[in-house]
Amino acid sequence: MKGQQEAQEEQLVPPYKPTVIVKDVAKEKDPLDKDKPLGESKLAVLRQELMVFLGNSGVLGSGMVVSMPAVTLNQLHDETQPFWLNKDESSWFASIQNMACPLGGLLVSYFLDRIGRKYTILLTNLIGLIGWILLVTSFMHDNRDMIYYQMLLGRAFGGIMIGMFVSPVGVYSAEISLPRIRGRLILGTSLGLASGILLMYCLGYFIRHNIVLIFAISCGYQLMATLLVFPMPESPSWLLTKGREERARTSLRYFRGLPKKEADYVPEFEAELAHMKEVADASMSTAASESLSQMIHRPEVYKPVLMMTTFFGFQQACGVVVIIVYAVQIAQQAGVTIDPVLVAVMLGVARIITTFFMSGIFEKWGRKPSGIFSATGMGFCMLLLAAGSWFPQSVGMIHWLPVLCIVAHIVFSTMGMLTLPFFMISEVFPQRARGSASGIAVFFGMILAFVMLKIYPNMEAALGTANLFAFYAGISFLAAAFIGVFVPETRGRTLEELEERWQTGKFSRRLTVNNLKDVELHEVFLKK
């Protein structure tokens, strides 16, 4: 009987949950923080946000790479300039970054688990810096072909950077934070990308006829972003998987707002560190006995890989990235009567403003409803753009409609289809396979991104502008259905609960312990 009772108690004891501090040091805290879990105190949140900001400074450079063709292709098409590109060459210039993105996805899957989150971010910044250096020095040649091929090589290095930046900062953010604030920290990657896109659009608006100066400013920024990585502590979760317990302890103390010197015993901190070590030990024992090919057969690995790969596929096929890269050209084709570069700036402003609110939207609505709403809204925007060409004497007479539809499309995409795949890639994979699995999903998603960007001019010529917009609308509606059926809701779930969901097909309903006092009461209840 005693053995059965102990077994029942063991089953009822919940996994680690953040708890309220009950220690003498709590008296030294801000009174406003006294009822908050350790990792959600003002100092802890400030430290987490600062380090995520430093990591995402390089993501901003990726956004500049993505949107650069939109503001440079007009000048590069000018046949009166000493150097210009024909239609085929410009399509390669615009799309080669996405051909290189899958390589970035493979590289990040290799390095993320081997050299750590911090040094993967540093390496990614260095690769991006090489790309900008190649671009800014390309016009030093007299040979036209040398200029063109060096520009393509610089764009390719930028594409590798984009492919690598999809997951490491998000993974880092997820591992240093608690579930309640994880959402807004992970969203920093989308905010960095949106900021980079806006910055490049602004450079293109104010510096229209000097792409070398645009390249130089971008190169200077990327150098600064590279230097900002050095102060970042490594993720404590990764350090524990490598057996570096003292460094992990120091890192976690920093992210939980505790002083470097351990003057007091903090029960909550010790409980979290012990829980993280258990997870890390389990990951290490599994990783030691399994290769990647064996792990990929596990449901908690292959299911989220398939889901995220398909999600990325829908993201690219519905024209999200095409509109970013070809923003100026699409605005012209849609019949916009104002300065198309100004329209691109408006798109950048709309995207970054929407991104600021996405953390609250994701936490209030959840991931799944946000994604469905986003894809549906995008579909209707594309249908209205198509209707303007189909019915020029009625819908086409509304001159402000194209601008409204394009800006609204950007707002809707930012509310889900553009941001959610990058957001969720840091949540859905188990720790032992997080680097490799996220790299695989990014690899296939970026391949489709390259295909969509490369064939966009051909699709536009074959289908016509209106029918191409209708095609994007159809894909958007299919994406909404996919999200509704296959994408899980991750709001408020721990990373361990999400892993269990892939194994069993549902979330377990366990007793949630909110603080140490509840633990004591629960133990008293069990003894009775």
Protein backbone atom coordinates (compact mmCIF):
# COMPACT_ATOMS: atom_id res chain seq x y z
CA MET A 1 0.00 0.00 0.00
CA LYS A 2 2.82 2.37 0.89
CA GLY A 3 4.49 1.72 -2.45
CA GLN A 4 1.24 2.39 -4.31
CA GLN A 5 0.74 5.64 -2.37
CA GLU A 6 4.28 6.80 -3.22
CA ALA A 7 3.70 5.96 -6.88
CA GLN A 8 0.45 7.94 -6.87
CA GLU A 9 2.18 10.89 -5.22
CA GLU A 10 4.94 10.75 -7.82
CA GLN A 11 2.38 10.93 -10.62
CA LEU A 12 0.65 13.92 -9.02
CA VAL A 13 3.81 15.95 -8.47
CA PRO A 14 3.91 18.45 -11.31
CA PRO A 15 6.87 19.42 -13.47
CA TYR A 16 8.82 22.55 -12.54
CA LYS A 17 6.83 25.78 -12.79
CA PRO A 18 8.11 29.30 -12.06
CA THR A 19 7.45 30.12 -8.41
CA VAL A 20 7.34 33.20 -6.25
CA ILE A 21 10.51 33.95 -4.26
CA VAL A 22 10.37 33.04 -0.57
CA LYS A 23 13.74 34.09 0.78
CA ASP A 24 15.36 36.91 2.69
CA VAL A 25 16.74 38.46 -0.47
CA ALA A 26 13.17 39.08 -1.59
CA LYS A 27 13.02 41.98 0.85
CA GLU A 28 15.67 43.76 -1.24
CA LYS A 29 13.55 43.57 -4.38
CA ASP A 30 11.32 46.26 -5.80
CA PRO A 31 7.92 46.02 -4.01
CA LEU A 32 6.27 45.85 -7.43
CA ASP A 33 8.18 42.62 -8.15
CA LYS A 34 7.47 40.80 -4.89
CA ASP A 35 4.61 38.70 -6.32
CA LYS A 36 6.32 37.91 -9.63
CA PRO A 37 8.31 34.78 -10.48
CA LEU A 38 12.06 35.29 -10.29
CA GLY A 39 12.56 35.48 -14.05
CA GLU A 40 9.83 38.11 -14.44
CA SER A 41 11.24 40.69 -12.03
CA LYS A 42 12.02 44.11 -13.47
CA LEU A 43 15.79 43.57 -13.49
CA ALA A 44 15.53 40.06 -14.94
CA VAL A 45 13.23 41.17 -17.77
CA LEU A 46 15.49 44.16 -18.51
CA ARG A 47 18.53 41.89 -18.80
CA GLN A 48 16.71 39.41 -21.03
CA GLU A 49 15.39 42.16 -23.29
CA LEU A 50 18.81 43.81 -23.57
CA MET A 51 20.59 40.62 -24.60
CA VAL A 52 17.85 39.70 -27.08
CA PHE A 53 18.11 43.24 -28.50
CA LEU A 54 21.86 42.80 -29.00
CA GLY A 55 21.30 39.46 -30.72
CA ASN A 56 18.61 40.89 -32.98
CA SER A 57 20.78 43.83 -34.08
CA GLY A 58 22.21 41.50 -36.71
CA VAL A 59 18.72 40.41 -37.77
CA LEU A 60 18.11 44.05 -38.71
CA GLY A 61 20.99 43.66 -41.18
CA SER A 62 19.17 40.66 -42.66
CA GLY A 63 16.10 42.81 -43.23
CA MET A 64 18.28 45.27 -45.14
CA VAL A 65 19.54 42.44 -47.36
CA VAL A 66 15.98 41.22 -48.04
CA SER A 67 14.59 44.60 -49.14
CA MET A 68 17.67 45.97 -50.90
CA PRO A 69 16.58 45.02 -54.47
CA ALA A 70 13.35 47.02 -54.05
CA VAL A 71 15.31 50.28 -53.76
CA THR A 72 18.25 49.53 -56.07
CA LEU A 73 16.74 47.77 -59.10
CA ASN A 74 15.36 50.98 -60.63
CA GLN A 75 18.85 52.47 -60.76
CA LEU A 76 20.37 49.18 -61.91
CA HIS A 77 17.84 49.04 -64.79
CA ASP A 78 18.85 52.52 -66.02
CA GLU A 79 20.66 51.93 -69.33
CA THR A 80 22.17 55.44 -69.23
CA GLN A 81 24.32 54.41 -66.24
CA PRO A 82 27.87 53.01 -66.70
CA PHE A 83 26.67 49.76 -65.08
CA TRP A 84 23.16 48.36 -65.54
CA LEU A 85 21.40 44.99 -65.48
CA ASN A 86 19.07 43.38 -67.98
CA LYS A 87 15.85 41.62 -66.92
CA ASP A 88 17.44 38.20 -66.40
CA GLU A 89 20.45 39.58 -64.53
CA SER A 90 18.25 41.66 -62.23
CA SER A 91 16.10 38.61 -61.39
CA TRP A 92 19.26 36.78 -60.33
CA PHE A 93 20.37 39.82 -58.31
CA ALA A 94 17.01 39.88 -56.52
CA SER A 95 16.68 36.13 -55.91
CA ILE A 96 20.18 34.68 -55.43
CA GLN A 97 20.06 35.52 -51.73
CA ASN A 98 17.19 33.06 -51.38
CA MET A 99 19.12 30.39 -53.28
CA ALA A 100 21.81 30.78 -50.62
CA CYS A 101 19.33 30.84 -47.70
CA PRO A 102 18.97 27.03 -47.60
CA LEU A 103 22.74 26.77 -47.15
CA GLY A 104 22.37 29.11 -44.19
CA GLY A 105 19.67 26.84 -42.80
CA LEU A 106 21.98 23.82 -43.02
CA LEU A 107 24.89 25.71 -41.48
CA VAL A 108 22.81 26.91 -38.53
CA SER A 109 21.53 23.37 -37.95
CA TYR A 110 25.16 22.24 -37.68
CA PHE A 111 26.59 25.10 -35.60
CA LEU A 112 23.68 25.88 -33.26
CA ASP A 113 24.12 22.70 -31.19
CA ARG A 114 27.91 22.51 -31.58
CA ILE A 115 29.33 25.97 -30.93
CA GLY A 116 26.36 27.37 -29.03
CA ARG A 117 23.72 30.03 -29.55
CA LYS A 118 25.98 33.04 -28.96
CA TYR A 119 28.79 32.03 -31.30
CA THR A 120 26.33 30.96 -33.99
CA ILE A 121 24.88 34.49 -33.85
CA LEU A 122 28.41 35.93 -34.03
CA LEU A 123 29.34 33.74 -37.01
CA THR A 124 26.12 34.76 -38.79
CA ASN A 125 26.98 38.43 -38.36
CA LEU A 126 30.48 37.87 -39.72
CA ILE A 127 29.10 36.15 -42.83
CA GLY A 128 26.73 39.08 -43.39
CA LEU A 129 29.61 41.53 -42.95
CA ILE A 130 31.61 39.73 -45.66
CA GLY A 131 28.59 40.04 -47.97
CA TRP A 132 28.32 43.81 -47.49
CA ILE A 133 32.09 44.25 -47.96
CA LEU A 134 31.87 42.40 -51.29
CA LEU A 135 28.99 44.64 -52.40
CA VAL A 136 30.60 47.93 -51.40
CA THR A 137 33.91 47.04 -53.10
CA SER A 138 32.38 45.54 -56.25
CA PHE A 139 32.47 48.82 -58.21
CA MET A 140 36.22 49.11 -57.76
CA HIS A 141 36.61 46.86 -60.81
CA ASP A 142 36.68 48.13 -64.37
CA ASN A 143 35.40 44.86 -65.79
CA ARG A 144 31.59 44.76 -65.99
CA ASP A 145 31.37 40.99 -65.52
CA MET A 146 33.60 41.17 -62.44
CA ILE A 147 31.30 43.81 -60.92
CA TYR A 148 28.21 41.71 -61.62
CA TYR A 149 29.63 38.43 -60.28
CA GLN A 150 31.02 40.07 -57.14
CA MET A 151 27.63 41.65 -56.50
CA LEU A 152 26.00 38.23 -56.85
CA LEU A 153 28.56 36.74 -54.45
CA GLY A 154 27.88 39.51 -51.92
CA ARG A 155 24.16 38.88 -52.23
CA ALA A 156 24.76 35.15 -51.73
CA PHE A 157 26.64 35.80 -48.46
CA GLY A 158 23.72 37.98 -47.41
CA GLY A 159 21.38 35.10 -48.19
CA ILE A 160 23.42 32.74 -46.02
CA MET A 161 23.11 35.28 -43.21
CA ILE A 162 19.32 35.41 -43.64
CA GLY A 163 19.03 31.62 -43.60
CA MET A 164 21.16 31.41 -40.46
CA PHE A 165 19.36 34.22 -38.61
CA VAL A 166 15.91 32.59 -38.84
CA SER A 167 16.35 30.52 -35.68
CA PRO A 168 19.37 31.21 -33.38
CA VAL A 169 18.17 34.43 -31.72
CA GLY A 170 14.67 32.97 -31.32
CA VAL A 171 16.07 29.79 -29.78
CA TYR A 172 18.27 31.89 -27.49
CA SER A 173 15.25 33.99 -26.47
CA ALA A 174 13.12 30.92 -25.74
CA GLU A 175 15.81 29.33 -23.58
CA ILE A 176 16.60 32.33 -21.37
CA SER A 177 12.98 33.33 -20.63
CA LEU A 178 9.90 32.07 -18.82
CA PRO A 179 6.71 31.14 -20.76
CA ARG A 180 4.84 34.34 -19.84
CA ILE A 181 7.40 36.68 -21.48
CA ARG A 182 8.80 34.24 -24.04
CA GLY A 183 6.44 35.49 -26.73
CA ARG A 184 7.57 39.09 -26.79
CA LEU A 185 11.24 38.15 -26.64
CA ILE A 186 10.98 35.75 -29.57
CA LEU A 187 9.08 38.41 -31.49
CA GLY A 188 12.23 40.55 -31.34
CA THR A 189 13.49 38.66 -34.41
CA SER A 190 10.47 39.75 -36.46
CA LEU A 191 10.83 43.29 -35.14
CA GLY A 192 14.51 43.33 -36.13
CA LEU A 193 13.67 42.07 -39.62
CA ALA A 194 10.92 44.68 -40.03
CA SER A 195 13.25 47.43 -38.81
CA GLY A 196 15.89 46.43 -41.34
CA ILE A 197 13.36 46.44 -44.17
CA LEU A 198 12.17 49.93 -43.16
CA LEU A 199 15.73 51.23 -42.83
CA MET A 200 16.62 50.06 -46.34
CA TYR A 201 13.44 51.57 -47.78
CA CYS A 202 14.34 54.90 -46.12
CA LEU A 203 17.88 54.75 -47.51
CA GLY A 204 16.42 54.09 -50.95
CA TYR A 205 14.04 57.03 -50.60
CA PHE A 206 16.70 59.56 -49.57
CA ILE A 207 19.67 58.12 -51.51
CA ARG A 208 18.14 57.16 -54.85
CA HIS A 209 21.09 57.48 -57.18
CA ASN A 210 24.05 56.22 -55.15
CA ILE A 211 23.81 52.52 -54.41
CA VAL A 212 27.48 52.43 -53.38
CA LEU A 213 26.68 54.78 -50.48
CA ILE A 214 23.72 52.54 -49.54
CA PHE A 215 26.08 49.54 -49.50
CA ALA A 216 28.63 51.44 -47.38
CA ILE A 217 26.09 52.52 -44.76
CA SER A 218 24.79 48.94 -44.56
CA CYS A 219 28.33 47.60 -44.20
CA GLY A 220 29.05 50.01 -41.32
CA TYR A 221 25.89 48.95 -39.54
CA GLN A 222 26.70 45.24 -39.93
CA LEU A 223 30.13 45.80 -38.36
CA MET A 224 28.49 47.44 -35.34
CA ALA A 225 25.98 44.58 -35.04
CA THR A 226 28.84 42.07 -35.05
CA LEU A 227 30.59 43.84 -32.17
CA LEU A 228 27.37 43.95 -30.13
CA VAL A 229 27.27 40.14 -29.87
CA PHE A 230 30.35 39.90 -27.61
CA PRO A 231 28.65 41.02 -24.33
CA MET A 232 25.91 38.36 -24.66
CA PRO A 233 26.06 35.45 -22.12
CA GLU A 234 25.60 31.99 -23.57
CA SER A 235 22.26 30.22 -23.09
CA PRO A 236 22.29 28.30 -19.76
CA SER A 237 20.34 25.44 -21.35
CA TRP A 238 23.00 24.89 -24.02
CA LEU A 239 25.82 25.16 -21.46
CA LEU A 240 24.20 22.43 -19.36
CA THR A 241 23.97 20.11 -22.37
CA LYS A 242 27.75 20.51 -22.70
CA GLY A 243 28.38 19.83 -19.01
CA ARG A 244 29.49 23.40 -18.21
CA GLU A 245 27.48 23.70 -15.01
CA GLU A 246 29.33 26.62 -13.42
CA ARG A 247 29.01 28.80 -16.52
CA ALA A 248 25.36 27.78 -16.82
CA ARG A 249 24.79 28.77 -13.19
CA THR A 250 26.40 32.18 -13.74
CA SER A 251 24.41 32.73 -16.93
CA LEU A 252 21.08 31.80 -15.34
CA ARG A 253 21.74 34.03 -12.33
CA TYR A 254 22.26 36.93 -14.74
CA PHE A 255 19.02 36.26 -16.61
CA ARG A 256 17.05 35.85 -13.37
CA GLY A 257 18.17 39.24 -12.04
CA LEU A 258 20.41 37.87 -9.27
CA PRO A 259 23.81 39.28 -8.27
CA LYS A 260 26.89 37.54 -9.61
CA LYS A 261 28.09 36.59 -6.13
CA GLU A 262 25.94 33.95 -4.45
CA ALA A 263 25.42 35.56 -1.03
CA ASP A 264 22.07 33.86 -0.39
CA TYR A 265 20.37 30.59 -1.12
CA VAL A 266 17.45 31.18 -3.52
CA PRO A 267 15.09 28.17 -3.54
CA GLU A 268 13.34 29.23 -6.73
CA PHE A 269 16.60 29.63 -8.61
CA GLU A 270 17.93 26.28 -7.39
CA ALA A 271 14.68 24.55 -8.40
CA GLU A 272 14.80 26.01 -11.91
CA LEU A 273 18.48 25.18 -12.36
CA ALA A 274 17.90 21.60 -11.18
CA HIS A 275 14.99 21.22 -13.58
CA MET A 276 17.05 22.58 -16.48
CA LYS A 277 19.84 20.15 -15.61
CA GLU A 278 17.42 17.21 -15.64
CA VAL A 279 16.18 18.22 -19.09
CA ALA A 280 19.76 18.72 -20.31
CA ASP A 281 20.86 15.33 -18.95
CA ALA A 282 17.93 13.64 -20.66
CA SER A 283 18.78 15.43 -23.92
CA MET A 284 22.46 14.45 -23.65
CA SER A 285 21.69 10.79 -22.95
CA THR A 286 19.28 10.66 -25.90
CA ALA A 287 21.65 12.54 -28.20
CA ALA A 288 24.51 10.24 -27.23
CA SER A 289 22.54 7.15 -28.16
CA GLU A 290 20.85 8.56 -31.28
CA SER A 291 22.05 10.07 -34.51
CA LEU A 292 20.10 12.78 -36.32
CA SER A 293 18.67 10.19 -38.72
CA GLN A 294 17.37 8.21 -35.73
CA MET A 295 16.00 11.27 -33.94
CA ILE A 296 14.11 12.39 -37.05
CA HIS A 297 11.99 9.23 -36.78
CA ARG A 298 10.65 10.28 -33.38
CA PRO A 299 7.19 11.94 -33.45
CA GLU A 300 8.35 14.87 -31.33
CA VAL A 301 10.91 15.65 -34.06
CA TYR A 302 9.46 14.71 -37.45
CA LYS A 303 5.95 16.03 -36.74
CA PRO A 304 7.03 19.61 -35.98
CA VAL A 305 9.57 19.44 -38.84
CA LEU A 306 6.81 18.55 -41.31
CA MET A 307 4.47 21.16 -39.85
CA MET A 308 7.04 23.98 -39.90
CA THR A 309 8.32 23.06 -43.38
CA THR A 310 4.78 23.25 -44.75
CA PHE A 311 4.15 26.47 -42.83
CA PHE A 312 7.26 28.06 -44.37
CA GLY A 313 6.13 26.78 -47.76
CA PHE A 314 2.76 28.53 -47.49
CA GLN A 315 4.51 31.66 -46.24
CA GLN A 316 6.63 31.88 -49.37
CA ALA A 317 3.97 30.73 -51.87
CA CYS A 318 1.43 33.38 -50.82
CA GLY A 319 3.77 36.15 -51.97
CA VAL A 320 4.86 37.66 -48.64
CA VAL A 321 8.55 37.88 -49.49
CA VAL A 322 7.89 38.67 -53.16
CA ILE A 323 6.06 41.84 -52.14
CA ILE A 324 8.94 42.86 -49.82
CA VAL A 325 11.61 42.34 -52.49
CA TYR A 326 9.64 43.76 -55.41
CA ALA A 327 7.69 46.37 -53.41
CA VAL A 328 8.44 49.31 -55.72
CA GLN A 329 7.86 47.33 -58.91
CA ILE A 330 4.59 45.78 -57.62
CA ALA A 331 3.33 49.21 -56.57
CA GLN A 332 3.94 50.44 -60.13
CA GLN A 333 2.19 47.41 -61.67
CA ALA A 334 -0.79 47.80 -59.31
CA GLY A 335 -1.40 51.29 -60.68
CA VAL A 336 -0.23 53.32 -57.67
CA THR A 337 -0.18 57.00 -58.67
CA ILE A 338 2.18 58.31 -55.93
CA ASP A 339 5.95 57.81 -55.68
CA PRO A 340 6.42 53.98 -55.56
CA VAL A 341 9.49 54.31 -53.32
CA LEU A 342 7.36 56.28 -50.86
CA VAL A 343 4.86 53.41 -50.98
CA ALA A 344 7.71 51.07 -50.02
CA VAL A 345 8.53 53.32 -47.05
CA MET A 346 4.86 53.25 -46.06
CA LEU A 347 4.98 49.45 -46.18
CA GLY A 348 8.02 49.43 -43.91
CA VAL A 349 6.35 51.77 -41.42
CA ALA A 350 3.15 49.71 -41.44
CA ARG A 351 5.11 46.51 -40.87
CA ILE A 352 7.15 47.77 -37.94
CA ILE A 353 4.15 49.43 -36.24
CA THR A 354 2.16 46.21 -36.55
CA THR A 355 5.10 44.16 -35.25
CA PHE A 356 5.22 46.27 -32.08
CA PHE A 357 1.69 45.11 -31.24
CA MET A 358 2.18 41.47 -32.23
CA SER A 359 3.40 40.30 -28.84
CA GLY A 360 0.15 41.43 -27.21
CA ILE A 361 -1.92 40.01 -30.08
CA PHE A 362 -0.18 36.61 -29.94
CA GLU A 363 -0.61 36.45 -26.17
CA LYS A 364 -4.24 37.64 -26.20
CA TRP A 365 -5.53 35.82 -29.29
CA GLY A 366 -3.09 32.93 -29.40
CA ARG A 367 -0.92 31.79 -32.31
CA LYS A 368 -3.55 29.84 -34.26
CA PRO A 369 -6.32 32.51 -34.43
CA SER A 370 -3.73 35.15 -35.35
CA GLY A 371 -2.46 33.01 -38.21
CA ILE A 372 -5.94 32.28 -39.59
CA PHE A 373 -6.92 35.96 -39.41
CA SER A 374 -3.66 36.98 -41.09
CA ALA A 375 -3.89 34.57 -44.02
CA THR A 376 -7.56 35.34 -44.63
CA GLY A 377 -6.95 39.09 -44.64
CA MET A 378 -4.04 38.69 -47.06
CA GLY A 379 -6.25 36.71 -49.41
CA PHE A 380 -8.91 39.41 -49.54
CA CYS A 381 -6.28 42.13 -50.13
CA MET A 382 -4.87 40.22 -53.11
CA LEU A 383 -8.37 39.65 -54.52
CA LEU A 384 -9.11 43.38 -54.35
CA LEU A 385 -5.85 44.15 -56.16
CA ALA A 386 -6.77 41.65 -58.85
CA ALA A 387 -10.29 43.12 -59.12
CA GLY A 388 -8.79 46.52 -59.90
CA SER A 389 -7.36 45.07 -63.12
CA TRP A 390 -10.30 42.82 -63.88
CA PHE A 391 -12.82 45.65 -63.60
CA PRO A 392 -10.96 48.83 -64.62
CA GLN A 393 -14.17 50.82 -65.17
CA SER A 394 -15.48 50.22 -61.65
CA VAL A 395 -13.04 48.93 -59.02
CA GLY A 396 -10.09 50.23 -61.04
CA MET A 397 -11.42 53.79 -60.82
CA ILE A 398 -10.75 53.88 -57.04
CA HIS A 399 -7.25 55.35 -57.26
CA TRP A 400 -6.41 54.95 -53.56
CA LEU A 401 -7.42 51.27 -53.47
CA PRO A 402 -4.07 49.79 -54.66
CA VAL A 403 -2.12 51.66 -51.97
CA LEU A 404 -4.65 50.63 -49.30
CA CYS A 405 -4.57 46.97 -50.41
CA ILE A 406 -0.76 46.74 -50.50
CA VAL A 407 -0.36 48.41 -47.08
CA ALA A 408 -3.18 46.30 -45.61
CA HIS A 409 -1.56 43.17 -47.05
CA ILE A 410 1.65 44.04 -45.22
CA VAL A 411 -0.27 44.62 -41.98
CA PHE A 412 -2.15 41.32 -42.28
CA SER A 413 1.02 39.38 -43.17
CA THR A 414 2.84 40.83 -40.16
CA MET A 415 -0.02 39.66 -37.93
CA GLY A 416 0.74 36.04 -38.72
CA MET A 417 2.02 34.64 -41.98
CA LEU A 418 5.29 36.58 -42.01
CA THR A 419 6.03 36.42 -38.28
CA LEU A 420 4.48 33.18 -36.98
CA PRO A 421 6.80 30.65 -38.68
CA PHE A 422 9.89 32.48 -37.34
CA PHE A 423 8.14 32.85 -33.99
CA MET A 424 7.10 29.22 -33.58
CA ILE A 425 10.32 27.66 -34.87
CA SER A 426 11.82 28.49 -31.47
CA GLU A 427 8.99 26.77 -29.57
CA VAL A 428 8.00 23.52 -31.26
CA PHE A 429 11.24 21.49 -31.37
CA PRO A 430 12.69 19.44 -28.46
CA GLN A 431 15.93 20.78 -27.04
CA ARG A 432 18.16 17.92 -28.20
CA ALA A 433 17.12 18.45 -31.83
CA ARG A 434 16.29 22.15 -31.80
CA GLY A 435 19.25 23.28 -33.89
CA SER A 436 19.14 20.53 -36.50
CA ALA A 437 15.35 20.39 -36.82
CA SER A 438 14.94 24.15 -37.18
CA GLY A 439 17.70 24.13 -39.80
CA ILE A 440 15.90 21.45 -41.84
CA ALA A 441 12.62 23.41 -41.78
CA VAL A 442 14.37 26.62 -42.78
CA PHE A 443 16.28 24.80 -45.54
CA PHE A 444 13.16 23.66 -47.38
CA GLY A 445 11.29 26.90 -46.73
CA MET A 446 14.12 28.98 -48.19
CA ILE A 447 14.35 26.76 -51.27
CA LEU A 448 10.73 27.64 -52.07
CA ALA A 449 11.45 31.31 -51.32
CA PHE A 450 14.19 31.28 -53.96
CA VAL A 451 11.90 29.58 -56.48
CA MET A 452 9.08 32.10 -55.90
CA LEU A 453 11.38 35.10 -56.22
CA LYS A 454 13.19 33.76 -59.28
CA ILE A 455 10.03 32.91 -61.22
CA TYR A 456 8.07 36.02 -60.18
CA PRO A 457 8.93 38.00 -63.37
CA ASN A 458 8.04 34.96 -65.49
CA MET A 459 4.77 34.33 -63.61
CA GLU A 460 3.84 38.00 -63.97
CA ALA A 461 4.51 37.83 -67.71
CA ALA A 462 2.66 34.52 -68.18
CA LEU A 463 -0.38 35.06 -65.94
CA GLY A 464 -0.68 38.82 -65.96
CA THR A 465 -0.58 41.01 -62.86
CA ALA A 466 -4.24 40.50 -61.91
CA ASN A 467 -4.19 36.70 -62.21
CA LEU A 468 -0.93 36.52 -60.26
CA PHE A 469 -2.52 38.48 -57.42
CA ALA A 470 -5.46 36.04 -57.55
CA PHE A 471 -3.03 33.11 -57.35
CA TYR A 472 -1.50 34.60 -54.18
CA ALA A 473 -5.03 35.04 -52.79
CA GLY A 474 -5.84 31.36 -53.34
CA ILE A 475 -2.64 30.24 -51.59
CA SER A 476 -3.44 32.56 -48.67
CA PHE A 477 -6.87 30.98 -48.16
CA LEU A 478 -5.29 27.51 -48.28
CA ALA A 479 -2.77 28.67 -45.68
CA ALA A 480 -5.60 29.73 -43.38
CA ALA A 481 -7.10 26.24 -43.63
CA PHE A 482 -3.72 24.62 -42.95
CA ILE A 483 -3.18 26.71 -39.80
CA GLY A 484 -6.66 25.89 -38.54
CA VAL A 485 -6.13 22.13 -38.91
CA PHE A 486 -2.43 21.43 -38.30
CA VAL A 487 -0.75 24.25 -36.35
CA PRO A 488 -0.90 23.74 -32.55
CA GLU A 489 -1.56 26.50 -30.04
CA THR A 490 1.67 27.18 -28.10
CA ARG A 491 0.57 30.15 -26.01
CA GLY A 492 1.39 29.69 -22.31
CA ARG A 493 2.93 26.24 -22.82
CA THR A 494 6.37 25.25 -21.58
CA LEU A 495 8.81 23.79 -24.10
CA GLU A 496 8.50 20.41 -22.34
CA GLU A 497 4.69 20.44 -22.63
CA LEU A 498 4.96 21.16 -26.36
CA GLU A 499 7.32 18.21 -26.79
CA GLU A 500 4.84 15.93 -25.01
CA ARG A 501 2.07 17.19 -27.29
CA TRP A 502 3.91 15.89 -30.36
CA GLN A 503 4.47 12.53 -28.66
CA THR A 504 0.90 11.94 -27.50
CA GLY A 505 -1.14 14.16 -29.82
CA LYS A 506 -2.53 16.25 -26.97
CA PHE A 507 -1.47 18.40 -24.03
CA SER A 508 -1.54 16.68 -20.67
CA ARG A 509 -3.70 18.14 -17.95
CA ARG A 510 -1.49 18.37 -14.92
CA LEU A 511 -1.83 20.15 -11.62
CA THR A 512 -0.18 23.56 -11.93
CA VAL A 513 1.81 24.75 -8.94
CA ASN A 514 2.12 28.53 -8.83
CA ASN A 515 4.38 29.05 -5.83
CA LEU A 516 6.26 27.33 -3.06
CA LYS A 517 3.42 27.77 -0.59
CA ASP A 518 1.15 25.78 -2.92
CA VAL A 519 3.81 23.06 -3.03
CA GLU A 520 3.79 22.83 0.76
CA LEU A 521 -0.03 22.70 0.91
CA HIS A 522 -0.04 20.07 -1.83
CA GLU A 523 2.41 17.91 0.11
CA VAL A 524 0.33 18.24 3.29
CA PHE A 525 -2.76 17.19 1.32
CA LEU A 526 -0.96 14.11 -0.03
CA LYS A 527 0.18 13.06 3.42
CA LYS A 528 -3.41 13.21 4.65
